[in-house]
Amino acid sequence: MFTIILLIVLIVLFFTVLPTWPHSKKWGYGPGGVIGLVLVIVLILLLLGRL
């Protein structure tokens, strides 16, 4: 149950950091890349059974 909630939160965070707002256009894809990297690490840990 915890892992499902964690994945949902990470997916929501990924979509919220995409540069779609005028004030965040200058950020580029940096925040989205960081959240994407965290999501990949969590998925790898899930597949390895460590989470």
C-alpha atoms as a PDB file:
ATOM      1  CA  MET A   1       0.000   0.000   0.000  1.00  0.00           C
ATOM      2  CA  PHE A   2       2.839   2.377   0.859  1.00  0.00           C
ATOM      3  CA  THR A   3       4.536   1.849  -2.489  1.00  0.00           C
ATOM      4  CA  ILE A   4       1.381   2.646  -4.439  1.00  0.00           C
ATOM      5  CA  ILE A   5       0.938   5.902  -2.532  1.00  0.00           C
ATOM      6  CA  LEU A   6       4.612   6.740  -3.066  1.00  0.00           C
ATOM      7  CA  LEU A   7       4.347   6.138  -6.811  1.00  0.00           C
ATOM      8  CA  ILE A   8       1.216   8.258  -7.100  1.00  0.00           C
ATOM      9  CA  VAL A   9       2.867  11.119  -5.210  1.00  0.00           C
ATOM     10  CA  LEU A  10       5.973  10.918  -7.408  1.00  0.00           C
ATOM     11  CA  ILE A  11       3.907  10.934 -10.597  1.00  0.00           C
ATOM     12  CA  VAL A  12       1.932  13.951  -9.399  1.00  0.00           C
ATOM     13  CA  LEU A  13       5.171  15.735  -8.479  1.00  0.00           C
ATOM     14  CA  PHE A  14       6.592  14.952 -11.909  1.00  0.00           C
ATOM     15  CA  PHE A  15       3.692  16.638 -13.666  1.00  0.00           C
ATOM     16  CA  THR A  16       3.688  19.638 -11.331  1.00  0.00           C
ATOM     17  CA  VAL A  17       7.326  20.541 -12.006  1.00  0.00           C
ATOM     18  CA  LEU A  18       7.002  20.614 -15.789  1.00  0.00           C
ATOM     19  CA  PRO A  19       7.670  24.157 -17.046  1.00  0.00           C
ATOM     20  CA  THR A  20       4.148  25.048 -18.152  1.00  0.00           C
ATOM     21  CA  TRP A  21       3.645  28.221 -16.118  1.00  0.00           C
ATOM     22  CA  PRO A  22       5.083  31.543 -17.357  1.00  0.00           C
ATOM     23  CA  HIS A  23       7.233  32.054 -14.250  1.00  0.00           C
ATOM     24  CA  SER A  24       8.761  28.574 -14.515  1.00  0.00           C
ATOM     25  CA  LYS A  25       9.683  28.637 -18.209  1.00  0.00           C
ATOM     26  CA  LYS A  26      13.194  29.835 -17.343  1.00  0.00           C
ATOM     27  CA  TRP A  27      13.761  26.832 -15.060  1.00  0.00           C
ATOM     28  CA  GLY A  28      13.908  24.491 -18.023  1.00  0.00           C
ATOM     29  CA  TYR A  29      13.465  20.789 -17.430  1.00  0.00           C
ATOM     30  CA  GLY A  30      15.772  20.606 -14.403  1.00  0.00           C
ATOM     31  CA  PRO A  31      13.101  20.052 -11.721  1.00  0.00           C
ATOM     32  CA  GLY A  32      11.297  17.535 -13.902  1.00  0.00           C
ATOM     33  CA  GLY A  33      14.545  15.712 -14.532  1.00  0.00           C
ATOM     34  CA  VAL A  34      15.242  15.412 -10.821  1.00  0.00           C
ATOM     35  CA  ILE A  35      11.768  14.047 -10.094  1.00  0.00           C
ATOM     36  CA  GLY A  36      12.104  11.700 -13.079  1.00  0.00           C
ATOM     37  CA  LEU A  37      15.397  10.415 -11.702  1.00  0.00           C
ATOM     38  CA  VAL A  38      13.807   9.820  -8.285  1.00  0.00           C
ATOM     39  CA  LEU A  39      10.937   7.989  -9.999  1.00  0.00           C
ATOM     40  CA  VAL A  40      13.374   5.740 -11.885  1.00  0.00           C
ATOM     41  CA  ILE A  41      15.270   4.950  -8.677  1.00  0.00           C
ATOM     42  CA  VAL A  42      12.032   4.071  -6.871  1.00  0.00           C
ATOM     43  CA  LEU A  43      10.943   1.841  -9.761  1.00  0.00           C
ATOM     44  CA  ILE A  44      14.290   0.030  -9.717  1.00  0.00           C
ATOM     45  CA  LEU A  45      14.014  -0.478  -5.956  1.00  0.00           C
ATOM     46  CA  LEU A  46      10.487  -1.830  -6.426  1.00  0.00           C
ATOM     47  CA  LEU A  47      11.639  -4.274  -9.076  1.00  0.00           C
ATOM     48  CA  LEU A  48      14.504  -5.453  -6.888  1.00  0.00           C
ATOM     49  CA  GLY A  49      12.132  -5.941  -3.946  1.00  0.00           C
ATOM     50  CA  ARG A  50      13.930  -3.498  -1.665  1.00  0.00           C
ATOM     51  CA  LEU A  51      10.939  -1.236  -1.133  1.00  0.00           C
END
